[in-house]
PDB file of N, CA and C in Angstrom:
ATOM      1  N   MET A   1     -44.128  19.324 -49.636  1.00  0.00           N
ATOM      2  CA  MET A   1     -43.751  20.812 -49.499  1.00  0.00           C
ATOM      3  C   MET A   1     -45.525  21.255 -50.407  1.00  0.00           C
ATOM      4  N   GLU A   2     -46.126  20.252 -50.368  1.00  0.00           N
ATOM      5  CA  GLU A   2     -47.143  20.421 -51.698  1.00  0.00           C
ATOM      6  C   GLU A   2     -48.411  21.111 -50.958  1.00  0.00           C
ATOM      7  N   LYS A   3     -48.351  21.457 -49.571  1.00  0.00           N
ATOM      8  CA  LYS A   3     -49.175  21.737 -49.187  1.00  0.00           C
ATOM      9  C   LYS A   3     -48.964  23.228 -49.018  1.00  0.00           C
ATOM     10  N   ASP A   4     -47.969  23.134 -49.199  1.00  0.00           N
ATOM     11  CA  ASP A   4     -47.163  25.163 -48.319  1.00  0.00           C
ATOM     12  C   ASP A   4     -47.508  26.123 -49.816  1.00  0.00           C
ATOM     13  N   LYS A   5     -47.720  25.086 -50.905  1.00  0.00           N
ATOM     14  CA  LYS A   5     -48.516  26.108 -51.909  1.00  0.00           C
ATOM     15  C   LYS A   5     -48.942  27.019 -51.882  1.00  0.00           C
ATOM     16  N   LYS A   6     -49.741  26.945 -51.119  1.00  0.00           N
ATOM     17  CA  LYS A   6     -50.566  28.058 -49.961  1.00  0.00           C
ATOM     18  C   LYS A   6     -50.539  29.105 -49.737  1.00  0.00           C
ATOM     19  N   LEU A   7     -48.484  28.954 -49.042  1.00  0.00           N
ATOM     20  CA  LEU A   7     -48.096  30.180 -48.289  1.00  0.00           C
ATOM     21  C   LEU A   7     -48.147  31.153 -49.064  1.00  0.00           C
ATOM     22  N   THR A   8     -48.270  32.855 -48.341  1.00  0.00           N
ATOM     23  CA  THR A   8     -48.055  34.253 -49.054  1.00  0.00           C
ATOM     24  C   THR A   8     -46.518  33.837 -49.229  1.00  0.00           C
ATOM     25  N   TYR A   9     -46.912  35.250 -50.649  1.00  0.00           N
ATOM     26  CA  TYR A   9     -45.785  35.933 -50.521  1.00  0.00           C
ATOM     27  C   TYR A   9     -44.405  35.622 -49.223  1.00  0.00           C
ATOM     28  N   ARG A  10     -45.113  36.200 -48.626  1.00  0.00           N
ATOM     29  CA  ARG A  10     -44.558  37.144 -47.068  1.00  0.00           C
ATOM     30  C   ARG A  10     -43.868  35.881 -46.254  1.00  0.00           C
ATOM     31  N   GLU A  11     -45.051  34.592 -46.292  1.00  0.00           N
ATOM     32  CA  GLU A  11     -44.025  33.400 -45.551  1.00  0.00           C
ATOM     33  C   GLU A  11     -43.159  32.314 -45.804  1.00  0.00           C
ATOM     34  N   ALA A  12     -43.769  33.073 -47.066  1.00  0.00           N
ATOM     35  CA  ALA A  12     -42.349  31.749 -48.166  1.00  0.00           C
ATOM     36  C   ALA A  12     -41.155  32.718 -47.651  1.00  0.00           C
ATOM     37  N   LEU A  13     -40.876  33.435 -47.964  1.00  0.00           N
ATOM     38  CA  LEU A  13     -39.563  34.552 -47.734  1.00  0.00           C
ATOM     39  C   LEU A  13     -39.226  34.606 -46.262  1.00  0.00           C
ATOM     40  N   GLU A  14     -40.041  34.606 -45.575  1.00  0.00           N
ATOM     41  CA  GLU A  14     -39.446  34.418 -44.148  1.00  0.00           C
ATOM     42  C   GLU A  14     -39.285  33.547 -43.764  1.00  0.00           C
ATOM     43  N   ARG A  15     -39.453  31.639 -44.406  1.00  0.00           N
ATOM     44  CA  ARG A  15     -38.793  30.583 -44.142  1.00  0.00           C
ATOM     45  C   ARG A  15     -37.684  30.514 -45.137  1.00  0.00           C
ATOM     46  N   LEU A  16     -37.552  31.159 -45.731  1.00  0.00           N
ATOM     47  CA  LEU A  16     -36.107  31.205 -46.735  1.00  0.00           C
ATOM     48  C   LEU A  16     -35.343  32.222 -45.915  1.00  0.00           C
ATOM     49  N   GLU A  17     -35.226  33.115 -45.472  1.00  0.00           N
ATOM     50  CA  GLU A  17     -34.602  33.269 -43.899  1.00  0.00           C
ATOM     51  C   GLU A  17     -33.755  32.468 -43.234  1.00  0.00           C
ATOM     52  N   ARG A  18     -35.526  32.114 -42.595  1.00  0.00           N
ATOM     53  CA  ARG A  18     -34.545  31.434 -41.550  1.00  0.00           C
ATOM     54  C   ARG A  18     -33.791  30.165 -42.359  1.00  0.00           C
ATOM     55  N   ILE A  19     -33.904  29.465 -43.013  1.00  0.00           N
ATOM     56  CA  ILE A  19     -33.074  28.325 -43.953  1.00  0.00           C
ATOM     57  C   ILE A  19     -31.584  29.165 -44.070  1.00  0.00           C
ATOM     58  N   GLN A  20     -31.479  30.468 -44.684  1.00  0.00           N
ATOM     59  CA  GLN A  20     -30.459  31.222 -44.212  1.00  0.00           C
ATOM     60  C   GLN A  20     -30.077  31.363 -43.652  1.00  0.00           C
ATOM     61  N   SER A  21     -30.386  31.754 -42.782  1.00  0.00           N
ATOM     62  CA  SER A  21     -29.440  32.709 -40.969  1.00  0.00           C
ATOM     63  C   SER A  21     -29.272  30.952 -40.511  1.00  0.00           C
ATOM     64  N   LEU A  22     -30.136  29.635 -40.918  1.00  0.00           N
ATOM     65  CA  LEU A  22     -29.293  28.396 -40.086  1.00  0.00           C
ATOM     66  C   LEU A  22     -28.317  28.175 -40.938  1.00  0.00           C
ATOM     67  N   ILE A  23     -27.780  28.340 -42.511  1.00  0.00           N
ATOM     68  CA  ILE A  23     -26.998  27.698 -43.113  1.00  0.00           C
ATOM     69  C   ILE A  23     -25.542  28.720 -42.821  1.00  0.00           C
ATOM     70  N   GLU A  24     -25.831  30.120 -42.705  1.00  0.00           N
ATOM     71  CA  GLU A  24     -24.478  31.386 -42.238  1.00  0.00           C
ATOM     72  C   GLU A  24     -24.250  30.190 -40.765  1.00  0.00           C
ATOM     73  N   GLY A  25     -25.260  29.979 -40.281  1.00  0.00           N
ATOM     74  CA  GLY A  25     -24.634  30.313 -38.311  1.00  0.00           C
ATOM     75  C   GLY A  25     -24.160  29.197 -37.969  1.00  0.00           C
ATOM     76  N   ASN A  26     -24.227  28.436 -38.926  1.00  0.00           N
ATOM     77  CA  ASN A  26     -23.632  26.804 -39.301  1.00  0.00           C
ATOM     78  C   ASN A  26     -24.745  25.988 -38.322  1.00  0.00           C
ATOM     79  N   GLU A  27     -26.269  25.825 -38.153  1.00  0.00           N
ATOM     80  CA  GLU A  27     -26.881  25.774 -37.480  1.00  0.00           C
ATOM     81  C   GLU A  27     -27.599  24.641 -37.954  1.00  0.00           C
ATOM     82  N   ILE A  28     -27.018  24.336 -39.504  1.00  0.00           N
ATOM     83  CA  ILE A  28     -28.073  22.547 -40.274  1.00  0.00           C
ATOM     84  C   ILE A  28     -27.205  21.869 -40.185  1.00  0.00           C
ATOM     85  N   ASP A  29     -27.065  20.954 -39.531  1.00  0.00           N
ATOM     86  CA  ASP A  29     -26.402  19.885 -40.061  1.00  0.00           C
ATOM     87  C   ASP A  29     -25.935  19.199 -41.065  1.00  0.00           C
ATOM     88  N   VAL A  30     -24.530  18.498 -41.203  1.00  0.00           N
ATOM     89  CA  VAL A  30     -24.348  18.393 -42.807  1.00  0.00           C
ATOM     90  C   VAL A  30     -25.395  17.453 -43.566  1.00  0.00           C
ATOM     91  N   ASP A  31     -26.511  16.624 -42.162  1.00  0.00           N
ATOM     92  CA  ASP A  31     -26.885  15.263 -42.620  1.00  0.00           C
ATOM     93  C   ASP A  31     -28.297  16.433 -43.000  1.00  0.00           C
ATOM     94  N   ASP A  32     -29.185  17.370 -42.693  1.00  0.00           N
ATOM     95  CA  ASP A  32     -30.176  17.995 -42.932  1.00  0.00           C
ATOM     96  C   ASP A  32     -30.157  19.022 -44.273  1.00  0.00           C
ATOM     97  N   LEU A  33     -28.710  19.360 -44.609  1.00  0.00           N
ATOM     98  CA  LEU A  33     -28.497  20.159 -45.604  1.00  0.00           C
ATOM     99  C   LEU A  33     -29.288  20.227 -46.651  1.00  0.00           C
ATOM    100  N   SER A  34     -29.185  19.054 -47.753  1.00  0.00           N
ATOM    101  CA  SER A  34     -30.127  18.935 -48.741  1.00  0.00           C
ATOM    102  C   SER A  34     -31.287  18.709 -48.553  1.00  0.00           C
ATOM    103  N   GLU A  35     -31.699  18.791 -47.451  1.00  0.00           N
ATOM    104  CA  GLU A  35     -33.579  18.839 -46.688  1.00  0.00           C
ATOM    105  C   GLU A  35     -33.716  20.619 -47.273  1.00  0.00           C
ATOM    106  N   LYS A  36     -33.065  21.038 -46.088  1.00  0.00           N
ATOM    107  CA  LYS A  36     -33.229  22.842 -46.641  1.00  0.00           C
ATOM    108  C   LYS A  36     -32.560  23.299 -47.928  1.00  0.00           C
ATOM    109  N   LEU A  37     -31.677  22.504 -48.506  1.00  0.00           N
ATOM    110  CA  LEU A  37     -32.032  23.331 -50.047  1.00  0.00           C
ATOM    111  C   LEU A  37     -32.471  23.040 -50.740  1.00  0.00           C
ATOM    112  N   LYS A  38     -33.337  21.749 -50.213  1.00  0.00           N
ATOM    113  CA  LYS A  38     -34.799  21.539 -51.438  1.00  0.00           C
ATOM    114  C   LYS A  38     -36.150  21.830 -50.945  1.00  0.00           C
ATOM    115  N   GLU A  39     -35.740  22.558 -49.837  1.00  0.00           N
ATOM    116  CA  GLU A  39     -37.473  23.462 -48.767  1.00  0.00           C
ATOM    117  C   GLU A  39     -37.030  25.026 -49.963  1.00  0.00           C
ATOM    118  N   ALA A  40     -35.825  25.521 -49.376  1.00  0.00           N
ATOM    119  CA  ALA A  40     -35.025  26.813 -50.164  1.00  0.00           C
ATOM    120  C   ALA A  40     -35.738  27.032 -51.581  1.00  0.00           C
ATOM    121  N   SER A  41     -35.589  25.655 -52.612  1.00  0.00           N
ATOM    122  CA  SER A  41     -35.858  25.892 -53.753  1.00  0.00           C
ATOM    123  C   SER A  41     -36.873  26.150 -53.683  1.00  0.00           C
ATOM    124  N   GLU A  42     -37.910  25.206 -53.254  1.00  0.00           N
ATOM    125  CA  GLU A  42     -39.228  24.719 -53.642  1.00  0.00           C
ATOM    126  C   GLU A  42     -40.213  26.504 -52.737  1.00  0.00           C
ATOM    127  N   LEU A  43     -38.881  27.059 -52.252  1.00  0.00           N
ATOM    128  CA  LEU A  43     -40.410  28.448 -51.786  1.00  0.00           C
ATOM    129  C   LEU A  43     -39.475  29.041 -52.464  1.00  0.00           C
ATOM    130  N   LEU A  44     -38.042  29.508 -53.200  1.00  0.00           N
ATOM    131  CA  LEU A  44     -37.633  30.451 -54.377  1.00  0.00           C
ATOM    132  C   LEU A  44     -38.769  29.833 -55.234  1.00  0.00           C
ATOM    133  N   GLU A  45     -39.526  28.867 -55.885  1.00  0.00           N
ATOM    134  CA  GLU A  45     -40.453  29.020 -56.774  1.00  0.00           C
ATOM    135  C   GLU A  45     -41.658  29.548 -56.393  1.00  0.00           C
ATOM    136  N   ILE A  46     -41.809  29.086 -55.299  1.00  0.00           N
ATOM    137  CA  ILE A  46     -43.892  29.794 -54.748  1.00  0.00           C
ATOM    138  C   ILE A  46     -43.363  31.796 -54.862  1.00  0.00           C
ATOM    139  N   CYS A  47     -42.069  32.120 -55.049  1.00  0.00           N
ATOM    140  CA  CYS A  47     -42.571  33.014 -54.856  1.00  0.00           C
ATOM    141  C   CYS A  47     -41.256  33.812 -55.965  1.00  0.00           C
ATOM    142  N   ARG A  48     -41.311  33.509 -56.721  1.00  0.00           N
ATOM    143  CA  ARG A  48     -41.488  33.314 -58.119  1.00  0.00           C
ATOM    144  C   ARG A  48     -42.763  33.257 -59.034  1.00  0.00           C
ATOM    145  N   ALA A  49     -43.103  32.344 -59.065  1.00  0.00           N
ATOM    146  CA  ALA A  49     -44.617  32.391 -59.616  1.00  0.00           C
ATOM    147  C   ALA A  49     -45.198  33.409 -58.576  1.00  0.00           C
ATOM    148  N   LYS A  50     -45.866  33.629 -57.039  1.00  0.00           N
ATOM    149  CA  LYS A  50     -46.403  34.937 -56.682  1.00  0.00           C
ATOM    150  C   LYS A  50     -45.519  36.351 -57.795  1.00  0.00           C
ATOM    151  N   LEU A  51     -44.797  36.666 -57.601  1.00  0.00           N
ATOM    152  CA  LEU A  51     -43.715  38.039 -58.584  1.00  0.00           C
ATOM    153  C   LEU A  51     -43.976  37.473 -59.772  1.00  0.00           C
ATOM    154  N   PHE A  52     -44.486  36.763 -60.346  1.00  0.00           N
ATOM    155  CA  PHE A  52     -44.652  37.330 -61.994  1.00  0.00           C
ATOM    156  C   PHE A  52     -46.178  37.051 -61.876  1.00  0.00           C
ATOM    157  N   SER A  53     -46.832  36.336 -61.298  1.00  0.00           N
ATOM    158  CA  SER A  53     -48.422  36.939 -60.930  1.00  0.00           C
ATOM    159  C   SER A  53     -48.762  38.270 -61.279  1.00  0.00           C
ATOM    160  N   ALA A  54     -48.138  38.976 -59.680  1.00  0.00           N
ATOM    161  CA  ALA A  54     -48.207  40.010 -59.968  1.00  0.00           C
ATOM    162  C   ALA A  54     -47.958  40.858 -60.593  1.00  0.00           C
ATOM    163  N   ASN A  55     -46.521  40.506 -61.580  1.00  0.00           N
ATOM    164  CA  ASN A  55     -46.503  41.363 -62.263  1.00  0.00           C
ATOM    165  C   ASN A  55     -46.720  41.532 -63.453  1.00  0.00           C
ATOM    166  N   GLU A  56     -47.492  40.559 -63.854  1.00  0.00           N
ATOM    167  CA  GLU A  56     -48.938  40.627 -65.180  1.00  0.00           C
ATOM    168  C   GLU A  56     -49.788  41.213 -64.604  1.00  0.00           C
ATOM    169  N   GLU A  57     -50.243  40.805 -63.113  1.00  0.00           N
ATOM    170  CA  GLU A  57     -51.617  41.713 -63.010  1.00  0.00           C
ATOM    171  C   GLU A  57     -51.546  42.812 -63.263  1.00  0.00           C
ATOM    172  N   THR A  58     -50.658  43.366 -62.428  1.00  0.00           N
ATOM    173  CA  THR A  58     -50.001  45.052 -62.395  1.00  0.00           C
ATOM    174  C   THR A  58     -50.092  45.353 -64.461  1.00  0.00           C
ATOM    175  N   GLN A  59     -49.351  44.507 -64.804  1.00  0.00           N
ATOM    176  CA  GLN A  59     -49.676  45.249 -66.163  1.00  0.00           C
ATOM    177  C   GLN A  59     -50.832  45.326 -67.271  1.00  0.00           C
ATOM    178  N   LYS A  60     -51.838  44.545 -66.864  1.00  0.00           N
ATOM    179  CA  LYS A  60     -52.716  44.790 -67.101  1.00  0.00           C
ATOM    180  C   LYS A  60     -53.863  45.829 -67.043  1.00  0.00           C
ATOM    181  N   ILE A  61     -53.681  45.735 -65.605  1.00  0.00           N
ATOM    182  CA  ILE A  61     -54.148  47.024 -65.079  1.00  0.00           C
ATOM    183  C   ILE A  61     -53.929  48.263 -65.718  1.00  0.00           C
ATOM    184  N   MET A  62     -52.429  48.226 -65.641  1.00  0.00           N
ATOM    185  CA  MET A  62     -51.099  50.101 -66.259  1.00  0.00           C
ATOM    186  C   MET A  62     -52.396  49.788 -67.804  1.00  0.00           C
ATOM    187  N   LYS A  63     -52.370  48.317 -68.534  1.00  0.00           N
ATOM    188  CA  LYS A  63     -52.940  49.154 -69.613  1.00  0.00           C
ATOM    189  C   LYS A  63     -54.428  49.148 -69.892  1.00  0.00           C
ATOM    190  N   LYS A  64     -55.203  48.771 -68.391  1.00  0.00           N
ATOM    191  CA  LYS A  64     -56.680  49.602 -69.023  1.00  0.00           C
ATOM    192  C   LYS A  64     -56.791  50.510 -69.087  1.00  0.00           C
ATOM    193  N   ILE A  65     -55.927  51.389 -67.815  1.00  0.00           N
ATOM    194  CA  ILE A  65     -56.073  52.650 -66.769  1.00  0.00           C
ATOM    195  C   ILE A  65     -55.392  54.128 -68.508  1.00  0.00           C
ATOM    196  N   LYS A  66     -54.260  52.930 -68.989  1.00  0.00           N
ATOM    197  CA  LYS A  66     -53.742  54.017 -70.278  1.00  0.00           C
ATOM    198  C   LYS A  66     -54.661  53.951 -71.227  1.00  0.00           C
ATOM    199  N   ARG A  67     -55.539  53.272 -71.386  1.00  0.00           N
ATOM    200  CA  ARG A  67     -56.896  53.838 -72.769  1.00  0.00           C
ATOM    201  C   ARG A  67     -57.821  54.287 -72.410  1.00  0.00           C
TER     202      ARG A  67
END
């Protein structure tokens, strides 16, 4: 999933939602479940990193505005 680090937040979130839907709909084979959970974990990390980065950038902008 190395190339997927270039996913946008929305793309990663959509993939997470698809995995969630597959799991909730019992559409995933037990043999594939651990692979999908691993992918979901990686997608969550991408989303967290993007949210953290956006938060930091927003804080920097807000500090400049308040000067």
